[in-house]
Amino acid sequence: MNATRGHTVRQGVIRIGGFSLALLALVLGWPQAGVPASQPAAVPAEFKKGEAAFNANCVRCHGERGVGTSQGPPLVHKIYEPNHHGDAAFQRAAMMGVRAHHWQFGDMPKIATVTPAEVDEIIKYIRWLQRQAGIF
């Protein structure tokens, strides 16, 4: 009887632990079973111009949705949050290029195909992506 009772107590602890983990997951906002964690949010209409300009000028190196590639760093990263790299840094990068300083990707050339107005739209899109990722 003791062995059975001990077994029951252990099962109860496991059940409670599992319930606690499930509750923690719910509180933290972990995805539900069957919903992929990486399912991206639809880009709101106000950021579509920036998304298009990003895809035309930046995606080759900075990757889809700014996650980076072997050619360039992720822009959806805490290093590029507004208090570390303000919007003016993005404008300067596009207009003048950037010497490698945070990453080992080499220097970024200036992007002659993008206008300052397009860079403004790209910045809005990147900031939206960063907020979606919880960076700021």
N, C-alpha and C. Protein backbone atom coordinates (compact mmCIF):
# COMPACT_ATOMS: atom_id res chain seq x y z
N MET A 1 0.82 -1.20 0.00
CA MET A 1 0.00 0.00 0.00
C MET A 1 0.86 1.26 0.00
N ASN A 2 1.94 1.26 0.74
CA ASN A 2 2.82 2.42 0.72
C ASN A 2 3.41 2.67 -0.66
N ALA A 3 3.79 1.57 -1.33
CA ALA A 3 4.36 1.74 -2.67
C ALA A 3 3.34 2.36 -3.60
N THR A 4 2.08 1.88 -3.47
CA THR A 4 1.03 2.42 -4.32
C THR A 4 0.78 3.89 -3.98
N ARG A 5 0.72 4.17 -2.67
CA ARG A 5 0.48 5.54 -2.25
C ARG A 5 1.61 6.46 -2.71
N GLY A 6 2.86 6.01 -2.57
CA GLY A 6 4.00 6.80 -3.02
C GLY A 6 3.94 7.05 -4.52
N HIS A 7 3.52 6.03 -5.24
CA HIS A 7 3.39 6.17 -6.69
C HIS A 7 2.32 7.20 -7.03
N THR A 8 1.21 7.16 -6.31
CA THR A 8 0.12 8.12 -6.54
C THR A 8 0.58 9.53 -6.22
N VAL A 9 1.31 9.71 -5.16
CA VAL A 9 1.80 11.04 -4.80
C VAL A 9 2.73 11.55 -5.90
N ARG A 10 3.62 10.70 -6.38
CA ARG A 10 4.52 11.14 -7.44
C ARG A 10 3.74 11.52 -8.70
N GLN A 11 2.72 10.76 -9.04
CA GLN A 11 1.92 11.11 -10.21
C GLN A 11 1.23 12.45 -10.00
N GLY A 12 0.77 12.69 -8.78
CA GLY A 12 0.13 13.97 -8.47
C GLY A 12 1.09 15.13 -8.64
N VAL A 13 2.33 14.94 -8.22
CA VAL A 13 3.33 15.99 -8.37
C VAL A 13 3.60 16.24 -9.86
N ILE A 14 3.68 15.18 -10.61
CA ILE A 14 3.90 15.33 -12.05
C ILE A 14 2.73 16.05 -12.69
N ARG A 15 1.52 15.66 -12.32
CA ARG A 15 0.35 16.34 -12.88
C ARG A 15 0.36 17.81 -12.50
N ILE A 16 0.65 18.11 -11.26
CA ILE A 16 0.68 19.51 -10.82
C ILE A 16 1.77 20.25 -11.56
N GLY A 17 2.95 19.61 -11.69
CA GLY A 17 4.05 20.25 -12.41
C GLY A 17 3.67 20.53 -13.85
N GLY A 18 3.03 19.55 -14.51
CA GLY A 18 2.61 19.75 -15.89
C GLY A 18 1.59 20.85 -16.02
N PHE A 19 0.67 20.91 -15.05
CA PHE A 19 -0.33 21.97 -15.05
C PHE A 19 0.35 23.32 -14.87
N SER A 20 1.33 23.37 -13.97
CA SER A 20 2.05 24.61 -13.72
C SER A 20 2.80 25.06 -14.97
N LEU A 21 3.42 24.11 -15.67
CA LEU A 21 4.12 24.45 -16.90
C LEU A 21 3.15 24.97 -17.96
N ALA A 22 2.00 24.32 -18.08
CA ALA A 22 1.00 24.77 -19.05
C ALA A 22 0.50 26.17 -18.69
N LEU A 23 0.28 26.42 -17.41
CA LEU A 23 -0.16 27.74 -16.95
C LEU A 23 0.91 28.79 -17.25
N LEU A 24 2.17 28.44 -16.98
CA LEU A 24 3.27 29.36 -17.26
C LEU A 24 3.32 29.67 -18.76
N ALA A 25 3.17 28.65 -19.59
CA ALA A 25 3.18 28.85 -21.04
C ALA A 25 2.06 29.79 -21.46
N LEU A 26 0.89 29.62 -20.86
CA LEU A 26 -0.24 30.48 -21.19
C LEU A 26 0.04 31.92 -20.79
N VAL A 27 0.58 32.11 -19.59
CA VAL A 27 0.88 33.45 -19.09
C VAL A 27 1.95 34.12 -19.94
N LEU A 28 2.98 33.36 -20.35
CA LEU A 28 4.06 33.92 -21.13
C LEU A 28 3.71 34.11 -22.59
N GLY A 29 2.60 33.57 -23.00
CA GLY A 29 2.17 33.75 -24.38
C GLY A 29 2.81 32.79 -25.34
N TRP A 30 3.27 31.65 -24.85
CA TRP A 30 3.82 30.64 -25.76
C TRP A 30 2.73 30.20 -26.70
N PRO A 31 3.11 29.81 -27.91
CA PRO A 31 2.10 29.41 -28.88
C PRO A 31 1.37 28.15 -28.46
N GLN A 32 0.14 28.04 -28.89
CA GLN A 32 -0.66 26.86 -28.61
C GLN A 32 -0.18 25.73 -29.50
N ALA A 33 -0.49 24.51 -29.10
CA ALA A 33 -0.11 23.35 -29.89
C ALA A 33 -0.70 23.49 -31.29
N GLY A 34 0.10 23.20 -32.29
CA GLY A 34 -0.38 23.25 -33.67
C GLY A 34 -0.25 24.60 -34.33
N VAL A 35 0.14 25.63 -33.57
CA VAL A 35 0.33 26.96 -34.14
C VAL A 35 1.83 27.22 -34.19
N PRO A 36 2.43 27.36 -35.36
CA PRO A 36 3.87 27.56 -35.43
C PRO A 36 4.29 28.85 -34.74
N ALA A 37 5.37 28.78 -33.97
CA ALA A 37 5.87 29.94 -33.24
C ALA A 37 6.37 31.02 -34.20
N SER A 38 6.83 30.64 -35.37
CA SER A 38 7.41 31.61 -36.29
C SER A 38 6.41 32.17 -37.30
N GLN A 39 5.15 31.89 -37.09
CA GLN A 39 4.13 32.39 -38.02
C GLN A 39 4.14 33.92 -37.97
N PRO A 40 4.55 34.57 -39.05
CA PRO A 40 4.66 36.02 -39.03
C PRO A 40 3.30 36.71 -39.08
N ALA A 41 3.26 37.87 -38.42
CA ALA A 41 2.06 38.69 -38.48
C ALA A 41 1.97 39.32 -39.86
N ALA A 42 0.76 39.53 -40.33
CA ALA A 42 0.55 40.20 -41.61
C ALA A 42 1.02 41.65 -41.48
N VAL A 43 1.68 42.13 -42.49
CA VAL A 43 2.20 43.50 -42.48
C VAL A 43 1.03 44.46 -42.67
N PRO A 44 0.81 45.38 -41.73
CA PRO A 44 -0.27 46.36 -41.88
C PRO A 44 -0.04 47.25 -43.11
N ALA A 45 -1.12 47.76 -43.65
CA ALA A 45 -1.07 48.58 -44.87
C ALA A 45 -0.11 49.76 -44.73
N GLU A 46 -0.02 50.36 -43.55
CA GLU A 46 0.84 51.53 -43.36
C GLU A 46 2.33 51.23 -43.51
N PHE A 47 2.71 49.94 -43.49
CA PHE A 47 4.12 49.56 -43.62
C PHE A 47 4.42 48.85 -44.94
N LYS A 48 3.43 48.73 -45.82
CA LYS A 48 3.60 48.02 -47.08
C LYS A 48 4.62 48.69 -48.01
N LYS A 49 4.62 50.03 -48.06
CA LYS A 49 5.60 50.73 -48.90
C LYS A 49 7.01 50.44 -48.41
N GLY A 50 7.18 50.46 -47.12
CA GLY A 50 8.49 50.16 -46.54
C GLY A 50 8.91 48.73 -46.79
N GLU A 51 7.95 47.81 -46.69
CA GLU A 51 8.24 46.41 -46.97
C GLU A 51 8.69 46.25 -48.43
N ALA A 52 7.98 46.90 -49.36
CA ALA A 52 8.32 46.80 -50.78
C ALA A 52 9.71 47.39 -51.04
N ALA A 53 10.00 48.55 -50.45
CA ALA A 53 11.30 49.18 -50.64
C ALA A 53 12.41 48.33 -50.01
N PHE A 54 12.14 47.75 -48.84
CA PHE A 54 13.10 46.86 -48.20
C PHE A 54 13.37 45.65 -49.09
N ASN A 55 12.32 45.04 -49.60
CA ASN A 55 12.48 43.86 -50.46
C ASN A 55 13.24 44.18 -51.74
N ALA A 56 13.06 45.39 -52.25
CA ALA A 56 13.74 45.78 -53.49
C ALA A 56 15.21 46.15 -53.27
N ASN A 57 15.55 46.64 -52.07
CA ASN A 57 16.88 47.20 -51.86
C ASN A 57 17.73 46.54 -50.77
N CYS A 58 17.11 45.85 -49.85
CA CYS A 58 17.82 45.41 -48.65
C CYS A 58 17.79 43.90 -48.39
N VAL A 59 16.77 43.24 -48.91
CA VAL A 59 16.52 41.84 -48.56
C VAL A 59 17.67 40.91 -48.94
N ARG A 60 18.38 41.22 -50.02
CA ARG A 60 19.47 40.35 -50.46
C ARG A 60 20.50 40.14 -49.36
N CYS A 61 20.81 41.18 -48.62
CA CYS A 61 21.80 41.06 -47.54
C CYS A 61 21.18 40.90 -46.16
N HIS A 62 20.08 41.61 -45.91
CA HIS A 62 19.50 41.61 -44.57
C HIS A 62 18.39 40.58 -44.38
N GLY A 63 18.04 39.85 -45.42
CA GLY A 63 17.11 38.74 -45.31
C GLY A 63 15.65 39.13 -45.26
N GLU A 64 14.79 38.15 -45.54
CA GLU A 64 13.35 38.34 -45.44
C GLU A 64 13.00 38.83 -44.03
N ARG A 65 12.21 39.88 -43.97
CA ARG A 65 11.75 40.44 -42.70
C ARG A 65 12.91 40.84 -41.79
N GLY A 66 14.08 41.13 -42.40
CA GLY A 66 15.22 41.68 -41.65
C GLY A 66 15.91 40.73 -40.70
N VAL A 67 15.82 39.42 -40.94
CA VAL A 67 16.41 38.45 -40.02
C VAL A 67 17.88 38.15 -40.30
N GLY A 68 18.46 38.77 -41.34
CA GLY A 68 19.86 38.58 -41.66
C GLY A 68 20.10 37.41 -42.59
N THR A 69 21.28 37.41 -43.19
CA THR A 69 21.73 36.33 -44.08
C THR A 69 23.23 36.16 -43.85
N SER A 70 23.85 35.31 -44.64
CA SER A 70 25.30 35.17 -44.57
C SER A 70 25.99 36.40 -45.17
N GLN A 71 25.21 37.26 -45.85
CA GLN A 71 25.74 38.48 -46.47
C GLN A 71 25.64 39.71 -45.57
N GLY A 72 24.71 39.70 -44.62
CA GLY A 72 24.51 40.90 -43.81
C GLY A 72 23.79 40.60 -42.52
N PRO A 73 23.90 41.50 -41.55
CA PRO A 73 23.35 41.28 -40.22
C PRO A 73 21.83 41.41 -40.17
N PRO A 74 21.24 40.86 -39.12
CA PRO A 74 19.81 41.04 -38.91
C PRO A 74 19.52 42.46 -38.43
N LEU A 75 18.56 43.09 -39.02
CA LEU A 75 18.13 44.42 -38.55
C LEU A 75 17.09 44.27 -37.44
N VAL A 76 16.47 43.11 -37.38
CA VAL A 76 15.55 42.80 -36.28
C VAL A 76 16.40 42.17 -35.19
N HIS A 77 17.12 43.05 -34.49
CA HIS A 77 18.07 42.66 -33.46
C HIS A 77 18.21 43.83 -32.50
N LYS A 78 18.49 43.55 -31.24
CA LYS A 78 18.56 44.62 -30.24
C LYS A 78 19.63 45.66 -30.56
N ILE A 79 20.67 45.29 -31.30
CA ILE A 79 21.69 46.27 -31.67
C ILE A 79 21.10 47.40 -32.50
N TYR A 80 20.06 47.09 -33.27
CA TYR A 80 19.49 48.10 -34.16
C TYR A 80 18.24 48.77 -33.60
N GLU A 81 17.99 48.59 -32.30
CA GLU A 81 16.83 49.27 -31.71
C GLU A 81 17.09 50.77 -31.70
N PRO A 82 16.03 51.57 -31.61
CA PRO A 82 16.16 53.03 -31.79
C PRO A 82 17.13 53.73 -30.86
N ASN A 83 17.30 53.25 -29.63
CA ASN A 83 18.22 53.93 -28.72
C ASN A 83 19.69 53.61 -29.01
N HIS A 84 19.95 52.62 -29.83
CA HIS A 84 21.33 52.31 -30.19
C HIS A 84 21.66 52.74 -31.61
N HIS A 85 20.76 52.48 -32.53
CA HIS A 85 20.89 52.96 -33.91
C HIS A 85 19.61 53.70 -34.27
N GLY A 86 19.66 55.00 -34.13
CA GLY A 86 18.50 55.82 -34.44
C GLY A 86 18.19 55.81 -35.93
N ASP A 87 17.08 56.40 -36.28
CA ASP A 87 16.64 56.43 -37.67
C ASP A 87 17.68 57.10 -38.59
N ALA A 88 18.38 58.11 -38.09
CA ALA A 88 19.39 58.80 -38.90
C ALA A 88 20.52 57.85 -39.29
N ALA A 89 20.81 56.86 -38.46
CA ALA A 89 21.87 55.89 -38.78
C ALA A 89 21.48 55.06 -40.01
N PHE A 90 20.20 54.75 -40.14
CA PHE A 90 19.73 54.02 -41.32
C PHE A 90 19.86 54.89 -42.57
N GLN A 91 19.52 56.17 -42.44
CA GLN A 91 19.64 57.09 -43.58
C GLN A 91 21.10 57.20 -44.01
N ARG A 92 22.01 57.38 -43.03
CA ARG A 92 23.43 57.49 -43.35
C ARG A 92 23.95 56.20 -44.00
N ALA A 93 23.51 55.05 -43.48
CA ALA A 93 23.97 53.77 -44.02
C ALA A 93 23.61 53.63 -45.49
N ALA A 94 22.38 53.98 -45.82
CA ALA A 94 21.94 53.86 -47.21
C ALA A 94 22.66 54.87 -48.11
N MET A 95 22.86 56.08 -47.63
CA MET A 95 23.44 57.13 -48.46
C MET A 95 24.96 57.06 -48.56
N MET A 96 25.62 56.58 -47.49
CA MET A 96 27.08 56.62 -47.46
C MET A 96 27.74 55.25 -47.31
N GLY A 97 26.96 54.25 -46.98
CA GLY A 97 27.55 52.96 -46.66
C GLY A 97 27.99 52.93 -45.20
N VAL A 98 28.47 51.77 -44.75
CA VAL A 98 28.87 51.61 -43.35
C VAL A 98 30.11 50.73 -43.29
N ARG A 99 31.06 51.16 -42.49
CA ARG A 99 32.21 50.29 -42.21
C ARG A 99 31.76 49.24 -41.21
N ALA A 100 32.21 48.02 -41.38
CA ALA A 100 31.86 46.94 -40.45
C ALA A 100 32.31 47.31 -39.04
N HIS A 101 31.38 47.19 -38.08
CA HIS A 101 31.75 47.51 -36.70
C HIS A 101 31.07 46.60 -35.68
N HIS A 102 29.88 46.09 -35.94
CA HIS A 102 29.22 45.19 -35.00
C HIS A 102 29.37 43.73 -35.42
N TRP A 103 29.49 43.49 -36.70
CA TRP A 103 29.42 42.14 -37.24
C TRP A 103 30.64 41.86 -38.12
N GLN A 104 30.78 40.63 -38.53
CA GLN A 104 31.88 40.21 -39.39
C GLN A 104 31.41 40.00 -40.84
N PHE A 105 30.54 40.85 -41.33
CA PHE A 105 30.01 40.71 -42.68
C PHE A 105 30.76 41.55 -43.70
N GLY A 106 31.65 42.37 -43.26
CA GLY A 106 32.33 43.29 -44.17
C GLY A 106 31.58 44.60 -44.23
N ASP A 107 32.10 45.53 -44.99
CA ASP A 107 31.50 46.85 -45.10
C ASP A 107 30.22 46.79 -45.93
N MET A 108 29.28 47.68 -45.60
CA MET A 108 28.05 47.81 -46.39
C MET A 108 28.26 48.93 -47.39
N PRO A 109 28.06 48.66 -48.67
CA PRO A 109 28.20 49.74 -49.66
C PRO A 109 27.00 50.69 -49.58
N LYS A 110 27.17 51.89 -50.09
CA LYS A 110 26.00 52.77 -50.17
C LYS A 110 25.01 52.15 -51.15
N ILE A 111 23.74 52.45 -50.94
CA ILE A 111 22.68 51.90 -51.79
C ILE A 111 22.13 53.05 -52.63
N ALA A 112 22.66 53.20 -53.83
CA ALA A 112 22.31 54.32 -54.70
C ALA A 112 20.90 54.22 -55.24
N THR A 113 20.29 53.03 -55.19
CA THR A 113 18.96 52.84 -55.77
C THR A 113 17.83 53.25 -54.85
N VAL A 114 18.11 53.66 -53.64
CA VAL A 114 17.06 54.00 -52.69
C VAL A 114 17.09 55.50 -52.37
N THR A 115 15.92 56.10 -52.32
CA THR A 115 15.82 57.53 -52.01
C THR A 115 15.66 57.72 -50.51
N PRO A 116 15.94 58.92 -49.99
CA PRO A 116 15.71 59.18 -48.57
C PRO A 116 14.26 58.92 -48.15
N ALA A 117 13.31 59.24 -49.01
CA ALA A 117 11.90 58.98 -48.69
C ALA A 117 11.64 57.48 -48.57
N GLU A 118 12.26 56.69 -49.45
CA GLU A 118 12.10 55.24 -49.36
C GLU A 118 12.76 54.70 -48.09
N VAL A 119 13.91 55.27 -47.73
CA VAL A 119 14.57 54.84 -46.49
C VAL A 119 13.67 55.14 -45.29
N ASP A 120 12.99 56.27 -45.30
CA ASP A 120 12.03 56.57 -44.22
C ASP A 120 10.98 55.48 -44.12
N GLU A 121 10.47 55.04 -45.25
CA GLU A 121 9.46 53.97 -45.25
C GLU A 121 10.07 52.64 -44.78
N ILE A 122 11.30 52.37 -45.18
CA ILE A 122 11.99 51.15 -44.74
C ILE A 122 12.17 51.18 -43.23
N ILE A 123 12.55 52.33 -42.70
CA ILE A 123 12.74 52.47 -41.25
C ILE A 123 11.44 52.16 -40.53
N LYS A 124 10.33 52.70 -40.99
CA LYS A 124 9.04 52.43 -40.36
C LYS A 124 8.75 50.93 -40.36
N TYR A 125 9.03 50.27 -41.47
CA TYR A 125 8.81 48.83 -41.59
C TYR A 125 9.73 48.06 -40.63
N ILE A 126 11.01 48.41 -40.59
CA ILE A 126 11.95 47.73 -39.68
C ILE A 126 11.56 47.95 -38.23
N ARG A 127 11.17 49.16 -37.89
CA ARG A 127 10.75 49.43 -36.50
C ARG A 127 9.50 48.61 -36.16
N TRP A 128 8.60 48.45 -37.10
CA TRP A 128 7.42 47.61 -36.86
C TRP A 128 7.86 46.16 -36.62
N LEU A 129 8.77 45.65 -37.46
CA LEU A 129 9.27 44.29 -37.28
C LEU A 129 9.94 44.14 -35.92
N GLN A 130 10.71 45.13 -35.52
CA GLN A 130 11.38 45.09 -34.23
C GLN A 130 10.37 45.06 -33.08
N ARG A 131 9.31 45.84 -33.20
CA ARG A 131 8.27 45.82 -32.15
C ARG A 131 7.59 44.45 -32.11
N GLN A 132 7.36 43.86 -33.28
CA GLN A 132 6.74 42.53 -33.33
C GLN A 132 7.63 41.50 -32.63
N ALA A 133 8.93 41.69 -32.71
CA ALA A 133 9.88 40.76 -32.10
C ALA A 133 10.13 41.08 -30.63
N GLY A 134 9.51 42.16 -30.12
CA GLY A 134 9.67 42.50 -28.70
C GLY A 134 10.98 43.19 -28.39
N ILE A 135 11.63 43.75 -29.40
CA ILE A 135 12.93 44.41 -29.19
C ILE A 135 12.75 45.74 -28.46
N PHE A 136 11.66 46.43 -28.76
CA PHE A 136 11.34 47.66 -28.00
C PHE A 136 9.87 47.87 -27.98
